[in-house]
Amino acid sequence: MSQYGEGLFKGSAEYYSKYRPIYPSNLIRFLVDKFSLNGEQNLLDLGCGT
C-alpha cells in the first residue's frame, strides 16, 4: 500500500475507536459457549474490516 502514502490512515485510530460499534455481550457469551472457549485454545481472528 505504499503507493497511497505513509500518512493515509494517520489520525484515524481515534475515530475508529470512538465510532466503531461495540459487540453486544450476549454475542460474546454465545460464541464462548458455542465453541467452548476457555482461554486456553488457539484462536484465529480473521479481520474483515478496517
PDB file of N, CA and C in Angstrom:
ATOM      1  N   MET A   1       0.816  -1.204   0.000  1.00  0.00           N
ATOM      2  CA  MET A   1       0.000   0.000   0.000  1.00  0.00           C
ATOM      3  C   MET A   1       0.847   1.250   0.000  1.00  0.00           C
ATOM      4  N   SER A   2       2.118   1.127  -0.157  1.00  0.00           N
ATOM      5  CA  SER A   2       2.975   2.303  -0.101  1.00  0.00           C
ATOM      6  C   SER A   2       2.645   3.307  -1.199  1.00  0.00           C
ATOM      7  N   GLN A   3       1.950   2.874  -2.228  1.00  0.00           N
ATOM      8  CA  GLN A   3       1.600   3.797  -3.304  1.00  0.00           C
ATOM      9  C   GLN A   3       0.619   4.884  -2.856  1.00  0.00           C
ATOM     10  N   TYR A   4      -0.058   4.669  -1.719  1.00  0.00           N
ATOM     11  CA  TYR A   4      -1.015   5.653  -1.225  1.00  0.00           C
ATOM     12  C   TYR A   4      -0.393   6.644  -0.263  1.00  0.00           C
ATOM     13  N   GLY A   5       0.803   6.391   0.167  1.00  0.00           N
ATOM     14  CA  GLY A   5       1.471   7.291   1.098  1.00  0.00           C
ATOM     15  C   GLY A   5       1.397   6.801   2.525  1.00  0.00           C
ATOM     16  N   GLU A   6       2.419   7.078   3.278  1.00  0.00           N
ATOM     17  CA  GLU A   6       2.511   6.589   4.654  1.00  0.00           C
ATOM     18  C   GLU A   6       1.464   7.198   5.579  1.00  0.00           C
ATOM     19  N   GLY A   7       0.999   8.382   5.300  1.00  0.00           N
ATOM     20  CA  GLY A   7       0.064   9.067   6.198  1.00  0.00           C
ATOM     21  C   GLY A   7      -1.400   8.857   5.870  1.00  0.00           C
ATOM     22  N   LEU A   8      -1.718   7.889   5.005  1.00  0.00           N
ATOM     23  CA  LEU A   8      -3.096   7.702   4.557  1.00  0.00           C
ATOM     24  C   LEU A   8      -4.074   7.538   5.719  1.00  0.00           C
ATOM     25  N   PHE A   9      -3.741   6.718   6.703  1.00  0.00           N
ATOM     26  CA  PHE A   9      -4.648   6.478   7.821  1.00  0.00           C
ATOM     27  C   PHE A   9      -4.197   7.176   9.103  1.00  0.00           C
ATOM     28  N   LYS A  10      -3.257   8.062   8.995  1.00  0.00           N
ATOM     29  CA  LYS A  10      -2.750   8.766  10.175  1.00  0.00           C
ATOM     30  C   LYS A  10      -3.888   9.563  10.826  1.00  0.00           C
ATOM     31  N   GLY A  11      -4.032   9.375  12.104  1.00  0.00           N
ATOM     32  CA  GLY A  11      -5.061  10.107  12.835  1.00  0.00           C
ATOM     33  C   GLY A  11      -6.430   9.443  12.824  1.00  0.00           C
ATOM     34  N   SER A  12      -6.571   8.303  12.176  1.00  0.00           N
ATOM     35  CA  SER A  12      -7.892   7.671  12.083  1.00  0.00           C
ATOM     36  C   SER A  12      -8.195   6.734  13.246  1.00  0.00           C
ATOM     37  N   ALA A  13      -7.186   6.297  13.997  1.00  0.00           N
ATOM     38  CA  ALA A  13      -7.412   5.353  15.097  1.00  0.00           C
ATOM     39  C   ALA A  13      -8.375   5.910  16.136  1.00  0.00           C
ATOM     40  N   GLU A  14      -8.267   7.179  16.440  1.00  0.00           N
ATOM     41  CA  GLU A  14      -9.164   7.792  17.422  1.00  0.00           C
ATOM     42  C   GLU A  14     -10.620   7.684  16.974  1.00  0.00           C
ATOM     43  N   TYR A  15     -10.886   7.951  15.694  1.00  0.00           N
ATOM     44  CA  TYR A  15     -12.255   7.889  15.182  1.00  0.00           C
ATOM     45  C   TYR A  15     -12.757   6.454  15.097  1.00  0.00           C
ATOM     46  N   TYR A  16     -11.865   5.545  14.724  1.00  0.00           N
ATOM     47  CA  TYR A  16     -12.237   4.131  14.673  1.00  0.00           C
ATOM     48  C   TYR A  16     -12.662   3.677  16.061  1.00  0.00           C
ATOM     49  N   SER A  17     -11.886   4.025  17.054  1.00  0.00           N
ATOM     50  CA  SER A  17     -12.176   3.636  18.430  1.00  0.00           C
ATOM     51  C   SER A  17     -13.467   4.294  18.931  1.00  0.00           C
ATOM     52  N   LYS A  18     -13.663   5.530  18.570  1.00  0.00           N
ATOM     53  CA  LYS A  18     -14.809   6.292  19.069  1.00  0.00           C
ATOM     54  C   LYS A  18     -16.133   5.849  18.440  1.00  0.00           C
ATOM     55  N   TYR A  19     -16.134   5.557  17.132  1.00  0.00           N
ATOM     56  CA  TYR A  19     -17.386   5.321  16.421  1.00  0.00           C
ATOM     57  C   TYR A  19     -17.656   3.871  16.044  1.00  0.00           C
ATOM     58  N   ARG A  20     -16.701   2.975  16.292  1.00  0.00           N
ATOM     59  CA  ARG A  20     -16.913   1.573  15.974  1.00  0.00           C
ATOM     60  C   ARG A  20     -17.909   0.991  16.958  1.00  0.00           C
ATOM     61  N   PRO A  21     -18.956   0.315  16.464  1.00  0.00           N
ATOM     62  CA  PRO A  21     -19.932  -0.285  17.386  1.00  0.00           C
ATOM     63  C   PRO A  21     -19.273  -1.349  18.274  1.00  0.00           C
ATOM     64  N   ILE A  22     -19.744  -1.447  19.482  1.00  0.00           N
ATOM     65  CA  ILE A  22     -19.252  -2.457  20.419  1.00  0.00           C
ATOM     66  C   ILE A  22     -20.096  -3.710  20.251  1.00  0.00           C
ATOM     67  N   TYR A  23     -19.443  -4.867  20.262  1.00  0.00           N
ATOM     68  CA  TYR A  23     -20.194  -6.114  20.150  1.00  0.00           C
ATOM     69  C   TYR A  23     -21.018  -6.327  21.416  1.00  0.00           C
ATOM     70  N   PRO A  24     -22.277  -6.754  21.259  1.00  0.00           N
ATOM     71  CA  PRO A  24     -23.120  -6.986  22.434  1.00  0.00           C
ATOM     72  C   PRO A  24     -22.574  -8.140  23.279  1.00  0.00           C
ATOM     73  N   SER A  25     -22.691  -8.027  24.586  1.00  0.00           N
ATOM     74  CA  SER A  25     -22.162  -9.053  25.485  1.00  0.00           C
ATOM     75  C   SER A  25     -22.828 -10.406  25.263  1.00  0.00           C
ATOM     76  N   ASN A  26     -24.114 -10.411  24.857  1.00  0.00           N
ATOM     77  CA  ASN A  26     -24.772 -11.700  24.618  1.00  0.00           C
ATOM     78  C   ASN A  26     -24.173 -12.413  23.395  1.00  0.00           C
ATOM     79  N   LEU A  27     -23.647 -11.685  22.438  1.00  0.00           N
ATOM     80  CA  LEU A  27     -22.959 -12.300  21.300  1.00  0.00           C
ATOM     81  C   LEU A  27     -21.661 -12.947  21.763  1.00  0.00           C
ATOM     82  N   ILE A  28     -20.922 -12.250  22.604  1.00  0.00           N
ATOM     83  CA  ILE A  28     -19.668 -12.789  23.128  1.00  0.00           C
ATOM     84  C   ILE A  28     -19.945 -14.054  23.940  1.00  0.00           C
ATOM     85  N   ARG A  29     -20.952 -13.999  24.802  1.00  0.00           N
ATOM     86  CA  ARG A  29     -21.316 -15.183  25.597  1.00  0.00           C
ATOM     87  C   ARG A  29     -21.712 -16.346  24.706  1.00  0.00           C
ATOM     88  N   PHE A  30     -22.478 -16.064  23.643  1.00  0.00           N
ATOM     89  CA  PHE A  30     -22.897 -17.107  22.700  1.00  0.00           C
ATOM     90  C   PHE A  30     -21.677 -17.775  22.065  1.00  0.00           C
ATOM     91  N   LEU A  31     -20.723 -16.977  21.602  1.00  0.00           N
ATOM     92  CA  LEU A  31     -19.531 -17.528  20.956  1.00  0.00           C
ATOM     93  C   LEU A  31     -18.686 -18.343  21.935  1.00  0.00           C
ATOM     94  N   VAL A  32     -18.560 -17.856  23.154  1.00  0.00           N
ATOM     95  CA  VAL A  32     -17.801 -18.595  24.179  1.00  0.00           C
ATOM     96  C   VAL A  32     -18.453 -19.942  24.433  1.00  0.00           C
ATOM     97  N   ASP A  33     -19.780 -19.955  24.573  1.00  0.00           N
ATOM     98  CA  ASP A  33     -20.492 -21.211  24.824  1.00  0.00           C
ATOM     99  C   ASP A  33     -20.475 -22.126  23.601  1.00  0.00           C
ATOM    100  N   LYS A  34     -20.736 -21.563  22.435  1.00  0.00           N
ATOM    101  CA  LYS A  34     -20.828 -22.351  21.196  1.00  0.00           C
ATOM    102  C   LYS A  34     -19.522 -23.083  20.899  1.00  0.00           C
ATOM    103  N   PHE A  35     -18.389 -22.428  21.122  1.00  0.00           N
ATOM    104  CA  PHE A  35     -17.097 -23.015  20.770  1.00  0.00           C
ATOM    105  C   PHE A  35     -16.304 -23.465  21.994  1.00  0.00           C
ATOM    106  N   SER A  36     -16.972 -23.517  23.149  1.00  0.00           N
ATOM    107  CA  SER A  36     -16.347 -23.973  24.397  1.00  0.00           C
ATOM    108  C   SER A  36     -15.005 -23.283  24.646  1.00  0.00           C
ATOM    109  N   LEU A  37     -15.004 -21.979  24.531  1.00  0.00           N
ATOM    110  CA  LEU A  37     -13.775 -21.210  24.718  1.00  0.00           C
ATOM    111  C   LEU A  37     -13.487 -21.027  26.202  1.00  0.00           C
ATOM    112  N   ASN A  38     -12.261 -21.339  26.596  1.00  0.00           N
ATOM    113  CA  ASN A  38     -11.887 -21.177  27.995  1.00  0.00           C
ATOM    114  C   ASN A  38     -10.583 -20.395  28.153  1.00  0.00           C
ATOM    115  N   GLY A  39     -10.078 -19.837  27.072  1.00  0.00           N
ATOM    116  CA  GLY A  39      -8.866 -19.037  27.132  1.00  0.00           C
ATOM    117  C   GLY A  39      -7.586 -19.828  26.973  1.00  0.00           C
ATOM    118  N   GLU A  40      -7.701 -21.130  26.774  1.00  0.00           N
ATOM    119  CA  GLU A  40      -6.507 -21.955  26.641  1.00  0.00           C
ATOM    120  C   GLU A  40      -6.264 -22.444  25.214  1.00  0.00           C
ATOM    121  N   GLN A  41      -7.234 -22.268  24.340  1.00  0.00           N
ATOM    122  CA  GLN A  41      -7.091 -22.717  22.961  1.00  0.00           C
ATOM    123  C   GLN A  41      -6.429 -21.654  22.104  1.00  0.00           C
ATOM    124  N   ASN A  42      -5.995 -22.075  20.924  1.00  0.00           N
ATOM    125  CA  ASN A  42      -5.530 -21.108  19.919  1.00  0.00           C
ATOM    126  C   ASN A  42      -6.750 -20.542  19.224  1.00  0.00           C
ATOM    127  N   LEU A  43      -6.672 -19.286  18.865  1.00  0.00           N
ATOM    128  CA  LEU A  43      -7.795 -18.615  18.227  1.00  0.00           C
ATOM    129  C   LEU A  43      -7.274 -17.768  17.083  1.00  0.00           C
ATOM    130  N   LEU A  44      -7.911 -17.865  15.942  1.00  0.00           N
ATOM    131  CA  LEU A  44      -7.547 -17.071  14.787  1.00  0.00           C
ATOM    132  C   LEU A  44      -8.589 -15.993  14.585  1.00  0.00           C
ATOM    133  N   ASP A  45      -8.165 -14.750  14.639  1.00  0.00           N
ATOM    134  CA  ASP A  45      -9.048 -13.620  14.408  1.00  0.00           C
ATOM    135  C   ASP A  45      -8.844 -13.163  12.976  1.00  0.00           C
ATOM    136  N   LEU A  46      -9.813 -13.445  12.131  1.00  0.00           N
ATOM    137  CA  LEU A  46      -9.723 -13.091  10.712  1.00  0.00           C
ATOM    138  C   LEU A  46     -10.501 -11.802  10.499  1.00  0.00           C
ATOM    139  N   GLY A  47      -9.819 -10.686  10.637  1.00  0.00           N
ATOM    140  CA  GLY A  47     -10.486  -9.402  10.482  1.00  0.00           C
ATOM    141  C   GLY A  47     -10.866  -9.121   9.041  1.00  0.00           C
ATOM    142  N   CYS A  48     -12.080  -8.670   8.850  1.00  0.00           N
ATOM    143  CA  CYS A  48     -12.560  -8.389   7.502  1.00  0.00           C
ATOM    144  C   CYS A  48     -12.989  -6.937   7.360  1.00  0.00           C
ATOM    145  N   GLY A  49     -12.558  -6.113   8.289  1.00  0.00           N
ATOM    146  CA  GLY A  49     -12.986  -4.719   8.252  1.00  0.00           C
ATOM    147  C   GLY A  49     -11.786  -3.798   8.199  1.00  0.00           C
ATOM    148  N   THR A  50     -12.003  -2.623   8.690  1.00  0.00           N
ATOM    149  CA  THR A  50     -10.996  -1.580   8.648  1.00  0.00           C
ATOM    150  C   THR A  50      -9.710  -1.999   9.292  1.00  0.00           C
TER     151      THR A  50
END
